[in-house]
Amino acid sequence: MDINTAAILDASALYDWRVLTLAGAVAIPTLTYFITSLKFANAKARAAKGNCDVEPPLVPYSIPLVGHTFSFIFNTPAYLASLQLVDMLSAE
């Protein structure tokens, strides 16, 4: 084994699968929430300008493909109250 191969193997040991899994588990929900928050703000801004052909804004969420399913199933009144609060805050 030459020096370059040994250096590559040592470097790959730094990127353990557990570190990459943890990074993905943190990055995916964070990026999802960030992107859906931007979409929400954009839709509210377009609606405020009187553009009537826009969809209702999608409330930001963290878990891709699941969205607010768990919040809706297990605590429906609190989830619906939070939607009303989001709507009141964004209307200001």
N, C-alpha and C. Protein backbone atom coordinates (compact mmCIF):
# COMPACT_ATOMS: atom_id res chain seq x y z
N MET A 1 0.85 -1.17 0.00
CA MET A 1 0.00 0.00 0.00
C MET A 1 0.90 1.24 0.00
N ASP A 2 0.69 2.14 -0.94
CA ASP A 2 1.51 3.33 -0.99
C ASP A 2 0.95 4.42 -0.07
N ILE A 3 1.63 5.52 0.03
CA ILE A 3 1.26 6.58 0.97
C ILE A 3 -0.09 7.20 0.61
N ASN A 4 -0.38 7.40 -0.66
CA ASN A 4 -1.63 8.02 -1.07
C ASN A 4 -2.83 7.16 -0.68
N THR A 5 -2.74 5.87 -0.87
CA THR A 5 -3.84 4.98 -0.50
C THR A 5 -4.06 4.99 1.00
N ALA A 6 -3.00 4.99 1.77
CA ALA A 6 -3.12 5.04 3.23
C ALA A 6 -3.75 6.35 3.67
N ALA A 7 -3.40 7.44 3.03
CA ALA A 7 -3.98 8.74 3.38
C ALA A 7 -5.47 8.77 3.06
N ILE A 8 -5.87 8.18 1.96
CA ILE A 8 -7.28 8.14 1.59
C ILE A 8 -8.06 7.29 2.58
N LEU A 9 -7.51 6.16 2.97
CA LEU A 9 -8.19 5.32 3.94
C LEU A 9 -8.30 6.01 5.29
N ASP A 10 -7.29 6.73 5.71
CA ASP A 10 -7.36 7.47 6.96
C ASP A 10 -8.40 8.58 6.89
N ALA A 11 -8.47 9.25 5.76
CA ALA A 11 -9.45 10.32 5.59
C ALA A 11 -10.86 9.77 5.57
N SER A 12 -11.05 8.60 4.97
CA SER A 12 -12.40 8.04 4.91
C SER A 12 -12.87 7.58 6.28
N ALA A 13 -11.93 7.28 7.18
CA ALA A 13 -12.32 6.89 8.53
C ALA A 13 -12.94 8.07 9.28
N LEU A 14 -12.61 9.29 8.88
CA LEU A 14 -13.20 10.47 9.51
C LEU A 14 -14.69 10.59 9.20
N TYR A 15 -15.10 10.08 8.07
CA TYR A 15 -16.49 10.17 7.64
C TYR A 15 -17.21 8.86 7.94
N ASP A 16 -17.34 8.59 9.20
CA ASP A 16 -18.02 7.39 9.66
C ASP A 16 -19.49 7.48 9.27
N TRP A 17 -20.12 6.35 9.05
CA TRP A 17 -21.52 6.34 8.63
C TRP A 17 -22.42 6.97 9.68
N ARG A 18 -22.03 6.90 10.94
CA ARG A 18 -22.87 7.50 11.99
C ARG A 18 -22.85 9.02 11.91
N VAL A 19 -21.72 9.57 11.56
CA VAL A 19 -21.61 11.02 11.43
C VAL A 19 -22.45 11.50 10.24
N LEU A 20 -22.35 10.78 9.14
CA LEU A 20 -23.12 11.16 7.96
C LEU A 20 -24.62 11.00 8.20
N THR A 21 -25.01 9.96 8.92
CA THR A 21 -26.42 9.76 9.25
C THR A 21 -26.93 10.89 10.13
N LEU A 22 -26.16 11.25 11.13
CA LEU A 22 -26.55 12.34 12.01
C LEU A 22 -26.64 13.66 11.24
N ALA A 23 -25.67 13.90 10.37
CA ALA A 23 -25.69 15.13 9.57
C ALA A 23 -26.93 15.17 8.67
N GLY A 24 -27.27 14.05 8.07
CA GLY A 24 -28.47 14.01 7.24
C GLY A 24 -29.74 14.18 8.05
N ALA A 25 -29.76 13.57 9.24
CA ALA A 25 -30.94 13.68 10.09
C ALA A 25 -31.17 15.11 10.57
N VAL A 26 -30.11 15.88 10.66
CA VAL A 26 -30.24 17.28 11.06
C VAL A 26 -30.49 18.17 9.84
N ALA A 27 -29.78 17.90 8.76
CA ALA A 27 -29.84 18.78 7.58
C ALA A 27 -31.17 18.70 6.85
N ILE A 28 -31.72 17.50 6.70
CA ILE A 28 -32.94 17.35 5.91
C ILE A 28 -34.12 18.11 6.52
N PRO A 29 -34.45 17.92 7.81
CA PRO A 29 -35.56 18.71 8.36
C PRO A 29 -35.29 20.21 8.37
N THR A 30 -34.04 20.59 8.62
CA THR A 30 -33.69 22.02 8.64
C THR A 30 -33.90 22.65 7.27
N LEU A 31 -33.39 22.00 6.24
CA LEU A 31 -33.56 22.52 4.88
C LEU A 31 -35.02 22.51 4.44
N THR A 32 -35.75 21.46 4.82
CA THR A 32 -37.17 21.39 4.48
C THR A 32 -37.93 22.54 5.11
N TYR A 33 -37.68 22.81 6.38
CA TYR A 33 -38.37 23.91 7.05
C TYR A 33 -37.99 25.24 6.43
N PHE A 34 -36.73 25.42 6.10
CA PHE A 34 -36.27 26.66 5.49
C PHE A 34 -36.94 26.88 4.13
N ILE A 35 -36.97 25.86 3.30
CA ILE A 35 -37.57 25.97 1.96
C ILE A 35 -39.07 26.22 2.05
N THR A 36 -39.77 25.48 2.93
CA THR A 36 -41.21 25.69 3.03
C THR A 36 -41.53 27.04 3.65
N SER A 37 -40.66 27.54 4.52
CA SER A 37 -40.87 28.89 5.08
C SER A 37 -40.74 29.95 3.98
N LEU A 38 -39.76 29.78 3.10
CA LEU A 38 -39.62 30.72 1.99
C LEU A 38 -40.82 30.66 1.05
N LYS A 39 -41.31 29.44 0.76
CA LYS A 39 -42.49 29.31 -0.09
C LYS A 39 -43.71 29.97 0.56
N PHE A 40 -43.84 29.79 1.88
CA PHE A 40 -44.96 30.39 2.61
C PHE A 40 -44.91 31.91 2.53
N ALA A 41 -43.75 32.48 2.77
CA ALA A 41 -43.59 33.94 2.73
C ALA A 41 -43.85 34.46 1.32
N ASN A 42 -43.38 33.74 0.31
CA ASN A 42 -43.59 34.15 -1.07
C ASN A 42 -45.07 34.12 -1.44
N ALA A 43 -45.77 33.07 -1.03
CA ALA A 43 -47.20 32.97 -1.34
C ALA A 43 -48.00 34.06 -0.63
N LYS A 44 -47.63 34.35 0.62
CA LYS A 44 -48.33 35.43 1.34
C LYS A 44 -48.07 36.79 0.70
N ALA A 45 -46.86 37.01 0.23
CA ALA A 45 -46.54 38.28 -0.41
C ALA A 45 -47.32 38.44 -1.72
N ARG A 46 -47.40 37.36 -2.50
CA ARG A 46 -48.16 37.42 -3.75
C ARG A 46 -49.64 37.64 -3.48
N ALA A 47 -50.17 37.00 -2.44
CA ALA A 47 -51.58 37.17 -2.10
C ALA A 47 -51.85 38.59 -1.61
N ALA A 48 -50.91 39.19 -0.91
CA ALA A 48 -51.08 40.55 -0.41
C ALA A 48 -51.09 41.57 -1.55
N LYS A 49 -50.44 41.23 -2.66
CA LYS A 49 -50.42 42.12 -3.82
C LYS A 49 -51.70 42.01 -4.64
N GLY A 50 -52.58 41.09 -4.25
CA GLY A 50 -53.85 40.96 -4.96
C GLY A 50 -53.81 39.97 -6.09
N ASN A 51 -52.80 39.15 -6.16
CA ASN A 51 -52.70 38.12 -7.19
C ASN A 51 -53.62 36.98 -6.80
N CYS A 52 -54.80 36.92 -7.39
CA CYS A 52 -55.84 35.98 -6.97
C CYS A 52 -55.64 34.57 -7.51
N ASP A 53 -54.76 34.38 -8.46
CA ASP A 53 -54.60 33.06 -9.04
C ASP A 53 -53.53 32.23 -8.35
N VAL A 54 -53.15 32.60 -7.13
CA VAL A 54 -52.14 31.84 -6.39
C VAL A 54 -52.81 30.82 -5.48
N GLU A 55 -52.08 29.75 -5.18
CA GLU A 55 -52.58 28.74 -4.25
C GLU A 55 -52.53 29.29 -2.83
N PRO A 56 -53.32 28.73 -1.94
CA PRO A 56 -53.17 29.11 -0.54
C PRO A 56 -51.77 28.75 -0.05
N PRO A 57 -51.21 29.53 0.84
CA PRO A 57 -49.84 29.24 1.28
C PRO A 57 -49.75 27.93 2.05
N LEU A 58 -48.67 27.22 1.84
CA LEU A 58 -48.39 25.99 2.55
C LEU A 58 -47.66 26.33 3.84
N VAL A 59 -48.21 25.92 4.96
CA VAL A 59 -47.60 26.22 6.25
C VAL A 59 -46.27 25.46 6.36
N PRO A 60 -45.21 26.12 6.82
CA PRO A 60 -43.90 25.46 6.90
C PRO A 60 -43.93 24.20 7.76
N TYR A 61 -43.16 23.21 7.34
CA TYR A 61 -43.06 21.95 8.08
C TYR A 61 -41.63 21.45 8.00
N SER A 62 -41.30 20.46 8.86
CA SER A 62 -39.92 19.97 8.94
C SER A 62 -39.70 18.59 8.34
N ILE A 63 -40.71 17.74 8.36
CA ILE A 63 -40.52 16.36 7.94
C ILE A 63 -41.03 16.19 6.51
N PRO A 64 -40.13 15.93 5.55
CA PRO A 64 -40.56 15.78 4.15
C PRO A 64 -41.54 14.62 3.99
N LEU A 65 -42.50 14.79 3.12
CA LEU A 65 -43.53 13.81 2.77
C LEU A 65 -44.54 13.54 3.88
N VAL A 66 -44.24 13.93 5.09
CA VAL A 66 -45.16 13.72 6.20
C VAL A 66 -45.86 15.03 6.55
N GLY A 67 -45.12 16.11 6.50
CA GLY A 67 -45.69 17.43 6.77
C GLY A 67 -46.20 17.54 8.19
N HIS A 68 -47.49 17.84 8.32
CA HIS A 68 -48.10 18.05 9.63
C HIS A 68 -49.00 16.89 10.03
N THR A 69 -48.82 15.73 9.44
CA THR A 69 -49.70 14.60 9.70
C THR A 69 -49.75 14.23 11.17
N PHE A 70 -48.60 14.11 11.83
CA PHE A 70 -48.60 13.71 13.23
C PHE A 70 -49.24 14.77 14.11
N SER A 71 -48.99 16.03 13.83
CA SER A 71 -49.62 17.10 14.61
C SER A 71 -51.14 17.06 14.44
N PHE A 72 -51.58 16.81 13.23
CA PHE A 72 -53.01 16.78 12.97
C PHE A 72 -53.67 15.57 13.61
N ILE A 73 -53.03 14.41 13.55
CA ILE A 73 -53.63 13.19 14.09
C ILE A 73 -53.68 13.21 15.61
N PHE A 74 -52.58 13.59 16.25
CA PHE A 74 -52.48 13.43 17.70
C PHE A 74 -52.92 14.65 18.50
N ASN A 75 -52.98 15.83 17.89
CA ASN A 75 -53.35 17.02 18.64
C ASN A 75 -54.03 18.01 17.70
N THR A 76 -55.16 17.60 17.15
CA THR A 76 -55.84 18.39 16.14
C THR A 76 -56.22 19.79 16.61
N PRO A 77 -56.85 19.98 17.78
CA PRO A 77 -57.22 21.34 18.19
C PRO A 77 -56.02 22.30 18.29
N ALA A 78 -54.94 21.83 18.87
CA ALA A 78 -53.75 22.70 18.99
C ALA A 78 -53.16 22.99 17.62
N TYR A 79 -53.17 22.01 16.73
CA TYR A 79 -52.63 22.23 15.39
C TYR A 79 -53.47 23.26 14.64
N LEU A 80 -54.78 23.13 14.70
CA LEU A 80 -55.65 24.10 14.01
C LEU A 80 -55.53 25.49 14.63
N ALA A 81 -55.35 25.56 15.94
CA ALA A 81 -55.14 26.86 16.60
C ALA A 81 -53.83 27.47 16.14
N SER A 82 -52.80 26.65 15.95
CA SER A 82 -51.52 27.19 15.48
C SER A 82 -51.64 27.72 14.05
N LEU A 83 -52.48 27.08 13.24
CA LEU A 83 -52.69 27.58 11.88
C LEU A 83 -53.40 28.93 11.90
N GLN A 84 -54.35 29.08 12.80
CA GLN A 84 -55.02 30.37 12.92
C GLN A 84 -54.05 31.44 13.40
N LEU A 85 -53.14 31.08 14.31
CA LEU A 85 -52.14 32.02 14.79
C LEU A 85 -51.19 32.41 13.67
N VAL A 86 -50.76 31.44 12.87
CA VAL A 86 -49.87 31.74 11.74
C VAL A 86 -50.57 32.67 10.77
N ASP A 87 -51.86 32.44 10.52
CA ASP A 87 -52.60 33.29 9.60
C ASP A 87 -52.75 34.70 10.16
N MET A 88 -53.00 34.82 11.46
CA MET A 88 -53.13 36.15 12.05
C MET A 88 -51.81 36.89 12.02
N LEU A 89 -50.71 36.21 12.32
CA LEU A 89 -49.40 36.86 12.32
C LEU A 89 -48.96 37.27 10.92
N SER A 90 -49.28 36.46 9.93
CA SER A 90 -48.86 36.79 8.57
C SER A 90 -49.75 37.85 7.94
N ALA A 91 -50.94 38.08 8.50
CA ALA A 91 -51.82 39.09 7.94
C ALA A 91 -51.40 40.51 8.35
N GLU A 92 -50.61 40.59 9.39
CA GLU A 92 -50.19 41.92 9.89
C GLU A 92 -49.18 42.56 9.00
